[in-house]
Amino acid sequence: MRLSDCHNFHDFRKLARQRLPGPIFNYIDGAADDETTLRQNTASFERCDLVPNVLRGVQAIDMSVTVMGQRLAMPVYCSPTALQRLFHHTGERAVAAAAAKYGTMFGVSSLGTVSLEELRKAHDTPQVYQFYFHRDRGLNRAMMQRAKDAGVNVMMLTVDSITGGNRERDLRTGFSIPFRLTLGGMAQFAIKPMWGINYLTHEGFKLPQLDEHVDMSGGAMSIGRYFTEMLDPSMTWDDVAEMVKLWNGQFCLKGIMSVADAKRAVEIGCTGIILSNHGGRQLDGSRAAFDQLAEIVDAVGDRIDVIMDGGIQRGTHVLKALSLGAKAVGVGRFYLYPLAAAGQPGVERALGLMRTEIERDMKLMGCTSIDQLSRENLRFR
C-alpha cells in the first residue's frame, strides 16, 4: 500500500500499521481498559444525522473560523500529542509544516520531541503549548515563561491526566520510554527493520521541553514515572486560576467534560475549553465529547470558546460538531497515522483530504460559511 492509495482515516491507519513496529503502532492505536470510550467517540457521530438544505447558491465556500483569538483557514487543528518523532523521524516538524500549509493551528506537547522555540521560529501559524501541572510549582511557572518568551499563542493545560490511564496494549508489549520491551515486543521491532534504521540514523530521541527532568537514557526518570512522580494529583481550581492570571492571555483547559467544570473555567478567566476524554486513553467509560457538546455549549457557549476532540475521522463529523456549537475541532490519531505512514507528505495529504471533504459537505449542506451551520441541520436517533 502506498500513500497515494490512502483516501481516508482507515487507509492511513492501515499504512501506519504496515510501517510501524507493533508496540509503537499500538501505542497510537490503543486506549484504556476495554477501549469502550475509544469506540464510542466515533460511534457518537453515527447516532446523529445531517439534514441538508438545497438551492442555496454555494459556489464560494468560506470555512475559516476564529477560536481563542486565532484565525484558522479551516475549523480543524492538530492537537498536541506526545512523542511524535517516535512515529516518524520528522515528528512535530512535519505536523507543524503541514498545519502551516493549510493555515491552521498546531500544538506542541510538553512531552514533544521538538522544541517549541524551533517550531515558533519556523512557522507563523497559531501555536498551542500543551502542558501538565507538576508538583514543582516553580517548574510550572518556568514552563509558562518559556512559552511566553517563545511567542506561543495559546496555553493549554491538560486536566484529565493527573495519572496515566490503564493502557493494556502497552503492558502486553512492554512499551515504555525508555524501552523495556517484552520478548514479543522486541520481535515486532525485528520484523520492521526500516523503523529501526530511521531511528538510529537520525538525531537522537529527546524531550526538549523536559530534558532537564526526564532522562531518555533509562536512568533517573521514565515517561511512566514522570506521570506518577512529577505530576500533581492535588491540583485544584485555585491552582489553575493562579496560572490563568499569570499567563494573562489565551488559556484553555483540555479534558473538561461536565457543565460544572465548564462554568468554573469561565469563572477563573479561561478563554477556551476543550471537551475531551483524551481519545479514550484515560478513563474508559467516559462519555463521548460529541454527546456532551450541546449541554456544555448551552451552559457556557456565549462566554467561552467551546472546542472538542475525540473520534473525528470525516468532514461530516466536523460539521456535526460545529452545528452543535463547537468553535473548532481537534484531531490526534487523524494526523498521527499519516505522520507514521509518510511524514510530512502524509500529514499534508490527510489535512488536504479533510479540507476537501469539509468543502464538499458544506456545499451539499447548502452552507457557504461555518456560521450558517446550526442545530436545525441535525437530528439525533
Protein backbone atom coordinates (compact mmCIF):
# COMPACT_ATOMS: atom_id res chain seq x y z
CA MET A 1 0.00 0.00 0.00
CA ARG A 2 1.29 3.48 -0.93
CA LEU A 3 0.46 6.98 0.27
CA SER A 4 -1.38 7.65 -3.00
CA ASP A 5 -3.69 4.75 -2.13
CA CYS A 6 -4.79 6.48 1.09
CA HIS A 7 -8.14 8.23 0.76
CA ASN A 8 -9.43 8.24 4.34
CA PHE A 9 -8.62 7.71 8.00
CA HIS A 10 -8.81 3.92 7.72
CA ASP A 11 -6.37 3.81 4.81
CA PHE A 12 -3.81 5.88 6.74
CA ARG A 13 -4.25 3.61 9.76
CA LYS A 14 -3.62 0.55 7.60
CA LEU A 15 -0.46 2.05 6.09
CA ALA A 16 0.83 3.10 9.52
CA ARG A 17 0.28 -0.44 10.77
CA GLN A 18 2.34 -1.78 7.88
CA ARG A 19 5.26 0.54 8.62
CA LEU A 20 5.43 0.75 12.42
CA PRO A 21 6.67 -1.92 14.84
CA GLY A 22 3.71 -3.37 16.72
CA PRO A 23 4.42 -1.77 20.12
CA ILE A 24 4.58 1.74 18.62
CA PHE A 25 1.51 1.26 16.43
CA ASN A 26 -0.42 0.01 19.45
CA TYR A 27 0.71 2.99 21.50
CA ILE A 28 -1.01 5.28 18.97
CA ASP A 29 -3.92 2.97 18.29
CA GLY A 30 -4.73 1.81 21.79
CA ALA A 31 -6.75 3.19 24.67
CA ALA A 32 -7.60 2.41 28.29
CA ASP A 33 -9.14 -0.74 29.76
CA ASP A 34 -11.59 -2.33 27.28
CA GLU A 35 -11.30 0.63 24.87
CA THR A 36 -15.05 1.23 25.07
CA THR A 37 -14.71 5.01 25.09
CA LEU A 38 -12.35 4.87 22.10
CA ARG A 39 -15.07 3.16 20.06
CA GLN A 40 -17.87 5.39 21.36
CA ASN A 41 -16.01 8.56 20.37
CA THR A 42 -16.64 7.83 16.69
CA ALA A 43 -19.92 5.95 17.19
CA SER A 44 -21.39 9.06 18.81
CA PHE A 45 -21.30 10.86 15.45
CA GLU A 46 -23.09 7.96 13.78
CA ARG A 47 -26.11 8.44 16.05
CA CYS A 48 -26.61 11.91 14.57
CA ASP A 49 -27.97 12.61 11.07
CA LEU A 50 -27.42 15.67 8.90
CA VAL A 51 -30.43 17.45 7.37
CA PRO A 52 -29.24 19.39 4.30
CA ASN A 53 -30.80 22.37 2.60
CA VAL A 54 -30.72 22.80 -1.18
CA LEU A 55 -30.81 25.54 -3.81
CA ARG A 56 -28.81 27.94 -1.66
CA GLY A 57 -26.15 29.09 -4.13
CA VAL A 58 -22.95 27.53 -2.83
CA GLN A 59 -20.28 28.45 -5.38
CA ALA A 60 -17.85 30.01 -2.86
CA ILE A 61 -17.17 28.32 0.48
CA ASP A 62 -15.56 30.03 3.48
CA MET A 63 -14.60 27.50 6.15
CA SER A 64 -12.46 29.86 8.23
CA VAL A 65 -13.07 30.26 11.96
CA THR A 66 -11.70 32.31 14.83
CA VAL A 67 -11.03 30.38 18.00
CA MET A 68 -9.33 31.71 21.14
CA GLY A 69 -8.35 34.79 19.17
CA GLN A 70 -6.68 32.75 16.40
CA ARG A 71 -7.82 32.91 12.79
CA LEU A 72 -7.82 29.45 11.18
CA ALA A 73 -8.37 28.78 7.49
CA MET A 74 -10.20 25.56 8.36
CA PRO A 75 -12.09 24.51 11.52
CA VAL A 76 -9.76 21.58 12.27
CA TYR A 77 -6.44 21.87 14.10
CA CYS A 78 -3.70 19.39 15.03
CA SER A 79 -3.97 18.69 18.74
CA PRO A 80 -0.70 18.47 20.66
CA THR A 81 0.41 14.87 21.13
CA ALA A 82 3.48 13.36 22.77
CA LEU A 83 6.48 11.52 21.34
CA GLN A 84 5.90 12.33 17.66
CA ARG A 85 9.46 11.61 16.50
CA LEU A 86 8.93 8.07 17.73
CA PHE A 87 6.33 7.60 14.98
CA HIS A 88 8.37 9.28 12.22
CA HIS A 89 11.80 10.86 12.47
CA THR A 90 10.44 14.26 11.33
CA GLY A 91 7.82 14.32 14.11
CA GLU A 92 6.46 17.72 15.10
CA ARG A 93 8.38 19.41 12.30
CA ALA A 94 6.24 17.58 9.75
CA VAL A 95 3.00 18.31 11.56
CA ALA A 96 3.76 22.00 12.05
CA ALA A 97 4.72 22.43 8.38
CA ALA A 98 1.57 20.66 7.19
CA ALA A 99 -0.62 22.75 9.50
CA ALA A 100 1.07 25.91 8.21
CA LYS A 101 0.40 24.87 4.62
CA TYR A 102 -3.32 24.64 5.39
CA GLY A 103 -3.40 27.74 7.57
CA THR A 104 -4.46 26.03 10.75
CA MET A 105 -3.28 25.72 14.34
CA PHE A 106 -0.97 23.05 15.70
CA GLY A 107 0.06 22.11 19.19
CA VAL A 108 3.34 21.24 20.86
CA SER A 109 3.25 18.95 23.88
CA SER A 110 5.45 19.29 26.93
CA LEU A 111 6.25 15.66 26.04
CA GLY A 112 7.01 16.73 22.47
CA THR A 113 10.22 15.74 20.70
CA VAL A 114 10.99 19.08 19.01
CA SER A 115 11.41 22.33 20.93
CA LEU A 116 8.56 24.81 20.96
CA GLU A 117 11.08 27.58 20.16
CA GLU A 118 12.22 25.91 16.94
CA LEU A 119 8.65 25.48 15.71
CA ARG A 120 7.64 29.00 16.71
CA LYS A 121 10.53 30.43 14.65
CA ALA A 122 9.74 28.21 11.67
CA HIS A 123 6.02 28.95 11.28
CA ASP A 124 3.73 31.96 11.69
CA THR A 125 0.57 29.89 12.09
CA PRO A 126 -1.03 29.80 15.57
CA GLN A 127 0.82 27.56 18.03
CA VAL A 128 -0.55 25.95 21.18
CA TYR A 129 1.64 24.73 24.03
CA GLN A 130 0.14 21.85 25.99
CA PHE A 131 1.47 21.17 29.45
CA TYR A 132 0.76 19.26 32.65
CA PHE A 133 0.60 20.52 36.20
CA HIS A 134 3.67 19.50 38.21
CA ARG A 135 4.27 19.12 41.93
CA ASP A 136 7.10 21.61 41.45
CA ARG A 137 5.27 24.95 41.17
CA GLY A 138 8.48 26.62 40.13
CA LEU A 139 8.68 24.26 37.13
CA ASN A 140 5.11 25.18 36.15
CA ARG A 141 5.96 28.89 36.22
CA ALA A 142 9.19 28.31 34.30
CA MET A 143 7.40 26.35 31.56
CA MET A 144 4.84 29.13 31.16
CA GLN A 145 7.52 31.80 30.99
CA ARG A 146 9.43 29.79 28.41
CA ALA A 147 6.28 29.57 26.26
CA LYS A 148 5.64 33.29 26.63
CA ASP A 149 9.23 34.11 25.66
CA ALA A 150 8.90 31.88 22.59
CA GLY A 151 5.75 33.67 21.42
CA VAL A 152 3.29 30.82 21.89
CA ASN A 153 -0.28 31.96 21.12
CA VAL A 154 -2.33 29.71 23.41
CA MET A 155 -1.54 27.85 26.64
CA MET A 156 -3.36 24.55 27.02
CA LEU A 157 -3.40 22.83 30.41
CA THR A 158 -4.41 19.17 30.27
CA VAL A 159 -6.52 18.44 33.33
CA ASP A 160 -7.63 14.82 32.78
CA SER A 161 -4.20 13.21 33.19
CA ILE A 162 -3.16 13.57 36.81
CA THR A 163 -2.22 9.91 36.46
CA GLY A 164 -1.76 7.67 33.45
CA GLY A 165 -4.62 5.56 32.07
CA ASN A 166 -4.59 1.75 32.12
CA ARG A 167 -3.37 1.08 28.57
CA GLU A 168 -3.18 -2.69 28.48
CA ARG A 169 -1.83 -2.96 24.95
CA ASP A 170 1.32 -1.19 26.18
CA LEU A 171 1.53 -3.52 29.16
CA ARG A 172 1.44 -6.56 26.88
CA THR A 173 4.24 -5.31 24.62
CA GLY A 174 6.28 -3.66 27.36
CA PHE A 175 6.12 -0.33 25.56
CA SER A 176 7.62 2.46 27.62
CA ILE A 177 10.04 5.35 27.26
CA PRO A 178 12.86 4.32 27.64
CA PHE A 179 12.04 0.96 26.01
CA ARG A 180 11.56 -2.04 28.30
CA LEU A 181 10.08 -4.42 25.76
CA THR A 182 8.80 -7.95 26.27
CA LEU A 183 10.19 -10.69 24.01
CA GLY A 184 7.10 -10.41 21.85
CA GLY A 185 7.55 -6.65 21.65
CA MET A 186 11.18 -6.99 20.59
CA ALA A 187 10.17 -9.45 17.87
CA GLN A 188 7.79 -6.84 16.47
CA PHE A 189 10.70 -4.43 16.05
CA ALA A 190 12.79 -7.10 14.34
CA ILE A 191 10.23 -7.61 11.55
CA LYS A 192 10.02 -3.84 10.80
CA PRO A 193 13.73 -3.02 10.33
CA MET A 194 13.21 0.25 8.41
CA TRP A 195 11.80 1.91 11.51
CA GLY A 196 14.92 0.97 13.46
CA ILE A 197 17.22 2.20 10.69
CA ASN A 198 15.47 5.58 10.62
CA TYR A 199 15.51 5.77 14.40
CA LEU A 200 19.24 5.11 14.59
CA THR A 201 20.36 7.24 11.63
CA HIS A 202 18.63 10.48 12.62
CA GLU A 203 19.16 12.81 15.56
CA GLY A 204 18.81 11.28 19.00
CA PHE A 205 15.38 10.99 20.57
CA LYS A 206 14.78 13.59 23.27
CA LEU A 207 12.12 15.62 25.03
CA PRO A 208 13.43 19.20 24.76
CA GLN A 209 10.62 20.71 26.84
CA LEU A 210 11.56 18.43 29.75
CA ASP A 211 15.14 17.43 29.01
CA GLU A 212 16.29 18.53 32.44
CA HIS A 213 13.65 16.39 34.15
CA VAL A 214 13.08 13.19 32.12
CA ASP A 215 16.11 11.00 31.34
CA MET A 216 15.85 9.29 27.95
CA SER A 217 18.89 7.10 28.67
CA GLY A 218 16.92 4.89 31.03
CA GLY A 219 18.30 6.39 34.18
CA ALA A 220 16.53 8.73 36.53
CA MET A 221 13.09 9.15 35.03
CA SER A 222 10.90 7.29 32.55
CA ILE A 223 7.67 8.58 31.00
CA GLY A 224 5.67 6.32 33.30
CA ARG A 225 7.44 7.64 36.38
CA TYR A 226 7.00 11.19 35.06
CA PHE A 227 3.23 10.74 35.33
CA THR A 228 3.31 9.03 38.69
CA GLU A 229 6.02 11.10 40.40
CA MET A 230 6.18 14.56 38.81
CA LEU A 231 2.54 15.37 38.14
CA ASP A 232 0.44 16.70 40.99
CA PRO A 233 -2.88 14.91 41.68
CA SER A 234 -3.67 17.54 44.36
CA MET A 235 -4.16 20.21 41.66
CA THR A 236 -7.24 22.36 42.36
CA TRP A 237 -9.18 25.14 40.67
CA ASP A 238 -7.31 27.66 42.80
CA ASP A 239 -4.00 26.41 41.35
CA VAL A 240 -5.31 26.74 37.81
CA ALA A 241 -6.78 30.19 38.46
CA GLU A 242 -3.34 31.36 39.52
CA MET A 243 -1.82 30.05 36.28
CA VAL A 244 -4.52 31.70 34.15
CA LYS A 245 -3.82 35.02 35.85
CA LEU A 246 -0.06 34.59 35.47
CA TRP A 247 -0.32 33.80 31.74
CA ASN A 248 -2.64 36.75 31.11
CA GLY A 249 -3.63 35.64 27.61
CA GLN A 250 -5.38 32.89 25.69
CA PHE A 251 -5.62 29.97 28.11
CA CYS A 252 -7.67 26.80 27.66
CA LEU A 253 -8.31 23.67 29.68
CA LYS A 254 -8.24 20.33 27.86
CA GLY A 255 -10.22 17.47 29.35
CA ILE A 256 -13.34 19.30 30.55
CA MET A 257 -16.45 17.11 30.36
CA SER A 258 -19.01 18.40 32.89
CA VAL A 259 -21.15 21.53 32.86
CA ALA A 260 -19.99 22.38 36.38
CA ASP A 261 -16.34 22.32 35.31
CA ALA A 262 -17.10 24.33 32.17
CA LYS A 263 -18.74 27.03 34.27
CA ARG A 264 -15.80 27.06 36.65
CA ALA A 265 -13.40 27.51 33.72
CA VAL A 266 -15.35 30.61 32.73
CA GLU A 267 -15.25 31.96 36.28
CA ILE A 268 -11.45 31.74 36.56
CA GLY A 269 -10.90 33.55 33.25
CA CYS A 270 -10.16 30.79 30.73
CA THR A 271 -10.80 31.78 27.12
CA GLY A 272 -11.38 28.24 25.87
CA ILE A 273 -12.26 24.71 26.96
CA ILE A 274 -11.70 21.50 25.06
CA LEU A 275 -14.23 18.75 25.65
CA SER A 276 -12.08 15.64 25.54
CA ASN A 277 -11.70 12.20 27.08
CA HIS A 278 -8.09 12.02 25.84
CA GLY A 279 -9.02 9.80 22.92
CA GLY A 280 -10.30 7.16 25.32
CA ARG A 281 -6.82 6.78 26.78
CA GLN A 282 -7.59 7.81 30.36
CA LEU A 283 -10.98 6.92 31.93
CA ASP A 284 -12.66 4.14 29.99
CA GLY A 285 -16.43 4.50 30.14
CA SER A 286 -16.18 8.29 29.95
CA ARG A 287 -18.88 9.92 27.85
CA ALA A 288 -18.02 10.86 24.28
CA ALA A 289 -17.25 14.56 23.90
CA PHE A 290 -19.72 14.91 21.00
CA ASP A 291 -22.53 13.54 23.18
CA GLN A 292 -21.72 16.12 25.86
CA LEU A 293 -21.21 19.05 23.49
CA ALA A 294 -24.74 20.53 23.27
CA GLU A 295 -25.19 20.57 27.05
CA ILE A 296 -21.97 22.48 27.59
CA VAL A 297 -22.46 24.89 24.68
CA ASP A 298 -25.90 25.74 26.10
CA ALA A 299 -24.37 26.41 29.51
CA VAL A 300 -21.30 28.47 28.60
CA GLY A 301 -21.01 28.80 24.83
CA ASP A 302 -21.81 32.51 24.89
CA ARG A 303 -18.97 33.21 27.35
CA ILE A 304 -16.11 30.94 26.31
CA ASP A 305 -14.91 29.19 23.15
CA VAL A 306 -16.02 25.56 23.29
CA ILE A 307 -13.89 23.11 21.29
CA MET A 308 -13.98 19.32 21.20
CA ASP A 309 -11.83 16.40 20.14
CA GLY A 310 -12.20 12.64 20.01
CA GLY A 311 -13.26 10.25 17.27
CA ILE A 312 -13.22 12.70 14.36
CA GLN A 313 -12.49 10.88 11.11
CA ARG A 314 -14.60 12.67 8.48
CA GLY A 315 -15.61 16.11 7.30
CA THR A 316 -19.20 15.26 8.22
CA HIS A 317 -18.07 14.68 11.82
CA VAL A 318 -16.60 18.17 11.84
CA LEU A 319 -19.81 19.72 10.51
CA LYS A 320 -21.90 17.91 13.11
CA ALA A 321 -19.71 19.27 15.92
CA LEU A 322 -19.81 22.80 14.50
CA SER A 323 -23.60 22.58 14.08
CA LEU A 324 -23.90 21.83 17.79
CA GLY A 325 -21.87 24.92 18.64
CA ALA A 326 -18.21 23.90 18.74
CA LYS A 327 -15.92 26.68 17.50
CA ALA A 328 -13.42 24.19 16.07
CA VAL A 329 -12.35 20.57 16.50
CA GLY A 330 -9.03 18.96 17.31
CA VAL A 331 -7.65 15.79 15.75
CA GLY A 332 -4.96 13.45 17.04
CA ARG A 333 -4.87 9.98 15.53
CA PHE A 334 -6.25 11.55 12.34
CA TYR A 335 -2.80 13.06 11.66
CA LEU A 336 -0.63 10.62 13.66
CA TYR A 337 -1.36 7.67 11.37
CA PRO A 338 -0.41 9.71 8.25
CA LEU A 339 2.67 11.01 10.07
CA ALA A 340 3.75 7.46 10.86
CA ALA A 341 2.96 6.33 7.33
CA ALA A 342 4.77 9.03 5.37
CA GLY A 343 5.96 12.01 7.42
CA GLN A 344 5.06 15.50 6.22
CA PRO A 345 3.55 14.36 2.88
CA GLY A 346 1.26 12.05 4.84
CA VAL A 347 0.02 14.77 7.19
CA GLU A 348 -0.44 17.16 4.27
CA ARG A 349 -2.46 14.58 2.38
CA ALA A 350 -4.67 13.91 5.41
CA LEU A 351 -5.35 17.61 6.04
CA GLY A 352 -5.93 18.18 2.33
CA LEU A 353 -8.45 15.37 2.16
CA MET A 354 -10.20 16.74 5.26
CA ARG A 355 -10.35 20.21 3.76
CA THR A 356 -11.80 18.83 0.54
CA GLU A 357 -14.39 16.82 2.48
CA ILE A 358 -15.49 19.82 4.54
CA GLU A 359 -15.81 21.99 1.43
CA ARG A 360 -17.80 19.33 -0.42
CA ASP A 361 -20.01 18.60 2.58
CA MET A 362 -20.74 22.29 3.19
CA LYS A 363 -21.91 22.59 -0.41
CA LEU A 364 -24.10 19.52 0.00
CA MET A 365 -25.50 21.00 3.23
CA GLY A 366 -26.35 24.26 1.47
CA CYS A 367 -23.93 26.33 3.59
CA THR A 368 -21.31 28.79 2.36
CA SER A 369 -19.83 29.67 5.78
CA ILE A 370 -19.46 27.98 9.14
CA ASP A 371 -21.86 30.38 10.87
CA GLN A 372 -24.70 29.06 8.70
CA LEU A 373 -24.49 25.66 10.40
CA SER A 374 -26.97 25.18 13.23
CA ARG A 375 -28.83 22.51 15.16
CA GLU A 376 -31.64 22.79 12.60
CA ASN A 377 -29.29 20.78 10.38
CA LEU A 378 -29.20 17.84 12.84
CA ARG A 379 -31.46 15.04 14.01
CA PHE A 380 -30.49 12.53 16.70
CA ARG A 381 -31.72 8.97 16.52
